[in-house]
Amino acid sequence: QVQLVESGGGLVQAGGSLRLSCAASGSIFSIQAMGWYRQAPGKQRELVATITKGGSTNYADSVKGRFTISRDNAANTVYLQMNSLKPEDTAVYYCNADGLEYSGRYYGSFNSWGQGTQVTVSS
């Protein structure tokens, strides 16, 4: 199994910054894509940003120019630097990763989610 643990959420005023981290652990052979998603109360979960193993990135239009996703492949960790935060960024942020895991006998694909971290931006 592959586990993801997020950290770095909190309460910040509009215009402020936060940095989220997500570390993957377990029977990892390789991680392909990692990403951040968010879910605000009463809304569906939406993509925030993704990054491939090679470093290609994709962002939601609502966060382009304000958020930056990065990853440390050696540490199986993905980061989300969030600047110029707005009240509408308030949500639970979830980390996601997909790739291959190795149980010691077999390889298999995985797609795992973290438990979520709350980000609250006050106006």
C-alpha atoms as a PDB file:
ATOM      1  CA  GLN A   1       0.000   0.000   0.000  1.00  0.00           C
ATOM      2  CA  VAL A   2       1.001   3.602  -0.610  1.00  0.00           C
ATOM      3  CA  GLN A   3       0.153   6.288   1.935  1.00  0.00           C
ATOM      4  CA  LEU A   4       0.123  10.038   1.437  1.00  0.00           C
ATOM      5  CA  VAL A   5       0.432  12.498   4.320  1.00  0.00           C
ATOM      6  CA  GLU A   6      -0.236  16.207   3.794  1.00  0.00           C
ATOM      7  CA  SER A   7       0.902  19.084   5.963  1.00  0.00           C
ATOM      8  CA  GLY A   8       1.064  22.866   5.867  1.00  0.00           C
ATOM      9  CA  GLY A   9      -2.556  23.935   5.863  1.00  0.00           C
ATOM     10  CA  GLY A  10      -3.900  26.628   8.138  1.00  0.00           C
ATOM     11  CA  LEU A  11      -5.552  30.007   8.459  1.00  0.00           C
ATOM     12  CA  VAL A  12      -4.169  32.969   6.528  1.00  0.00           C
ATOM     13  CA  GLN A  13      -5.397  36.421   5.572  1.00  0.00           C
ATOM     14  CA  ALA A  14      -6.207  37.293   1.979  1.00  0.00           C
ATOM     15  CA  GLY A  15      -3.043  38.112   0.090  1.00  0.00           C
ATOM     16  CA  GLY A  16      -0.960  35.807   2.242  1.00  0.00           C
ATOM     17  CA  SER A  17       0.930  32.634   1.428  1.00  0.00           C
ATOM     18  CA  LEU A  18       0.993  28.994   2.484  1.00  0.00           C
ATOM     19  CA  ARG A  19       3.083  26.020   1.415  1.00  0.00           C
ATOM     20  CA  LEU A  20       1.577  22.554   1.408  1.00  0.00           C
ATOM     21  CA  SER A  21       3.650  19.384   1.480  1.00  0.00           C
ATOM     22  CA  CYS A  22       2.677  15.795   0.747  1.00  0.00           C
ATOM     23  CA  ALA A  23       4.967  12.843   1.391  1.00  0.00           C
ATOM     24  CA  ALA A  24       4.328   9.411  -0.072  1.00  0.00           C
ATOM     25  CA  SER A  25       5.488   6.248   1.642  1.00  0.00           C
ATOM     26  CA  GLY A  26       4.969   2.508   1.454  1.00  0.00           C
ATOM     27  CA  SER A  27       5.693  -0.089  -1.197  1.00  0.00           C
ATOM     28  CA  ILE A  28       6.512   2.454  -3.892  1.00  0.00           C
ATOM     29  CA  PHE A  29       8.337   1.367  -7.035  1.00  0.00           C
ATOM     30  CA  SER A  30       7.787   4.566  -8.984  1.00  0.00           C
ATOM     31  CA  ILE A  31       5.478   7.569  -8.896  1.00  0.00           C
ATOM     32  CA  GLN A  32       4.291   9.007 -12.201  1.00  0.00           C
ATOM     33  CA  ALA A  33       1.950  11.930 -11.571  1.00  0.00           C
ATOM     34  CA  MET A  34       1.390  13.788  -8.326  1.00  0.00           C
ATOM     35  CA  GLY A  35      -1.153  16.491  -7.797  1.00  0.00           C
ATOM     36  CA  TRP A  36      -3.277  18.651  -5.581  1.00  0.00           C
ATOM     37  CA  TYR A  37      -7.056  18.823  -5.570  1.00  0.00           C
ATOM     38  CA  ARG A  38      -9.423  20.808  -3.379  1.00  0.00           C
ATOM     39  CA  GLN A  39     -12.984  20.603  -2.202  1.00  0.00           C
ATOM     40  CA  ALA A  40     -14.905  23.543  -0.805  1.00  0.00           C
ATOM     41  CA  PRO A  41     -18.087  23.052   1.253  1.00  0.00           C
ATOM     42  CA  GLY A  42     -21.005  22.129  -0.978  1.00  0.00           C
ATOM     43  CA  LYS A  43     -18.823  21.810  -4.066  1.00  0.00           C
ATOM     44  CA  GLN A  44     -17.233  18.974  -5.985  1.00  0.00           C
ATOM     45  CA  ARG A  45     -13.562  18.157  -5.674  1.00  0.00           C
ATOM     46  CA  GLU A  46     -11.592  20.008  -8.340  1.00  0.00           C
ATOM     47  CA  LEU A  47      -8.089  19.848  -9.755  1.00  0.00           C
ATOM     48  CA  VAL A  48      -5.663  22.498  -8.558  1.00  0.00           C
ATOM     49  CA  ALA A  49      -2.369  21.406 -10.104  1.00  0.00           C
ATOM     50  CA  THR A  50      -0.519  18.310 -11.262  1.00  0.00           C
ATOM     51  CA  ILE A  51       3.093  17.484 -12.023  1.00  0.00           C
ATOM     52  CA  THR A  52       4.604  14.536 -13.852  1.00  0.00           C
ATOM     53  CA  LYS A  53       7.753  12.673 -12.921  1.00  0.00           C
ATOM     54  CA  GLY A  54       9.543  14.638 -15.624  1.00  0.00           C
ATOM     55  CA  GLY A  55       8.357  17.953 -14.242  1.00  0.00           C
ATOM     56  CA  SER A  56       5.562  18.889 -16.639  1.00  0.00           C
ATOM     57  CA  THR A  57       2.906  20.893 -14.832  1.00  0.00           C
ATOM     58  CA  ASN A  58      -0.779  21.671 -15.273  1.00  0.00           C
ATOM     59  CA  TYR A  59      -2.802  24.252 -13.352  1.00  0.00           C
ATOM     60  CA  ALA A  60      -6.430  25.193 -12.958  1.00  0.00           C
ATOM     61  CA  ASP A  61      -7.088  28.572 -14.542  1.00  0.00           C
ATOM     62  CA  SER A  62      -8.161  29.956 -11.172  1.00  0.00           C
ATOM     63  CA  VAL A  63      -4.702  29.454  -9.644  1.00  0.00           C
ATOM     64  CA  LYS A  64      -2.389  30.155 -12.586  1.00  0.00           C
ATOM     65  CA  GLY A  65       0.209  32.737 -11.705  1.00  0.00           C
ATOM     66  CA  ARG A  66      -0.455  32.395  -7.969  1.00  0.00           C
ATOM     67  CA  PHE A  67       0.257  28.729  -7.151  1.00  0.00           C
ATOM     68  CA  THR A  68       3.358  26.697  -7.982  1.00  0.00           C
ATOM     69  CA  ILE A  69       3.583  22.922  -7.810  1.00  0.00           C
ATOM     70  CA  SER A  70       6.935  21.171  -7.446  1.00  0.00           C
ATOM     71  CA  ARG A  71       8.217  17.761  -6.418  1.00  0.00           C
ATOM     72  CA  ASP A  72      11.239  16.018  -5.001  1.00  0.00           C
ATOM     73  CA  ASN A  73      11.376  12.650  -6.737  1.00  0.00           C
ATOM     74  CA  ALA A  74      14.053  11.281  -4.418  1.00  0.00           C
ATOM     75  CA  ALA A  75      11.865  12.053  -1.400  1.00  0.00           C
ATOM     76  CA  ASN A  76       8.553  11.091  -3.040  1.00  0.00           C
ATOM     77  CA  THR A  77       7.220  14.483  -1.990  1.00  0.00           C
ATOM     78  CA  VAL A  78       5.119  17.086  -3.758  1.00  0.00           C
ATOM     79  CA  TYR A  79       4.715  20.705  -2.734  1.00  0.00           C
ATOM     80  CA  LEU A  80       2.200  23.454  -3.452  1.00  0.00           C
ATOM     81  CA  GLN A  81       3.332  27.020  -2.927  1.00  0.00           C
ATOM     82  CA  MET A  82       0.252  29.220  -2.694  1.00  0.00           C
ATOM     83  CA  ASN A  83       0.691  32.986  -2.970  1.00  0.00           C
ATOM     84  CA  SER A  84      -1.786  35.864  -3.181  1.00  0.00           C
ATOM     85  CA  LEU A  85      -4.406  33.709  -1.535  1.00  0.00           C
ATOM     86  CA  LYS A  86      -8.062  34.655  -1.890  1.00  0.00           C
ATOM     87  CA  PRO A  87     -11.084  33.746   0.250  1.00  0.00           C
ATOM     88  CA  GLU A  88     -12.327  31.580  -2.621  1.00  0.00           C
ATOM     89  CA  ASP A  89      -9.241  29.385  -2.188  1.00  0.00           C
ATOM     90  CA  THR A  90     -10.707  28.190   1.110  1.00  0.00           C
ATOM     91  CA  ALA A  91     -11.118  24.409   0.899  1.00  0.00           C
ATOM     92  CA  VAL A  92      -9.769  21.077   2.031  1.00  0.00           C
ATOM     93  CA  TYR A  93      -6.734  20.339  -0.112  1.00  0.00           C
ATOM     94  CA  TYR A  94      -6.015  16.735  -1.050  1.00  0.00           C
ATOM     95  CA  CYS A  95      -2.830  15.214  -2.403  1.00  0.00           C
ATOM     96  CA  ASN A  96      -2.973  12.508  -5.067  1.00  0.00           C
ATOM     97  CA  ALA A  97      -0.340  10.223  -6.551  1.00  0.00           C
ATOM     98  CA  ASP A  98      -0.333   7.402  -9.057  1.00  0.00           C
ATOM     99  CA  GLY A  99       2.336   4.981 -10.144  1.00  0.00           C
ATOM    100  CA  LEU A 100       3.614   1.453  -9.555  1.00  0.00           C
ATOM    101  CA  GLU A 101       4.004  -0.350  -6.258  1.00  0.00           C
ATOM    102  CA  TYR A 102       5.997  -3.499  -5.547  1.00  0.00           C
ATOM    103  CA  SER A 103       4.849  -5.945  -2.904  1.00  0.00           C
ATOM    104  CA  GLY A 104       8.007  -8.023  -2.961  1.00  0.00           C
ATOM    105  CA  ARG A 105       6.548 -10.440  -5.473  1.00  0.00           C
ATOM    106  CA  TYR A 106       4.284  -8.472  -7.757  1.00  0.00           C
ATOM    107  CA  TYR A 107       4.100  -5.058  -9.352  1.00  0.00           C
ATOM    108  CA  GLY A 108       0.803  -3.257  -9.446  1.00  0.00           C
ATOM    109  CA  SER A 109      -0.556   0.181 -10.196  1.00  0.00           C
ATOM    110  CA  PHE A 110      -1.793   2.454  -7.447  1.00  0.00           C
ATOM    111  CA  ASN A 111      -3.720   5.686  -7.133  1.00  0.00           C
ATOM    112  CA  SER A 112      -3.722   7.068  -3.615  1.00  0.00           C
ATOM    113  CA  TRP A 113      -5.209  10.060  -1.824  1.00  0.00           C
ATOM    114  CA  GLY A 114      -4.112  11.852   1.294  1.00  0.00           C
ATOM    115  CA  GLN A 115      -6.427  12.614   4.201  1.00  0.00           C
ATOM    116  CA  GLY A 116      -6.696  16.304   3.312  1.00  0.00           C
ATOM    117  CA  THR A 117      -5.528  19.502   4.938  1.00  0.00           C
ATOM    118  CA  GLN A 118      -7.715  22.535   5.604  1.00  0.00           C
ATOM    119  CA  VAL A 119      -6.809  25.882   4.058  1.00  0.00           C
ATOM    120  CA  THR A 120      -8.853  28.862   5.233  1.00  0.00           C
ATOM    121  CA  VAL A 121      -8.360  32.335   3.778  1.00  0.00           C
ATOM    122  CA  SER A 122      -9.996  35.179   5.649  1.00  0.00           C
ATOM    123  CA  SER A 123     -11.040  38.422   3.958  1.00  0.00           C
END
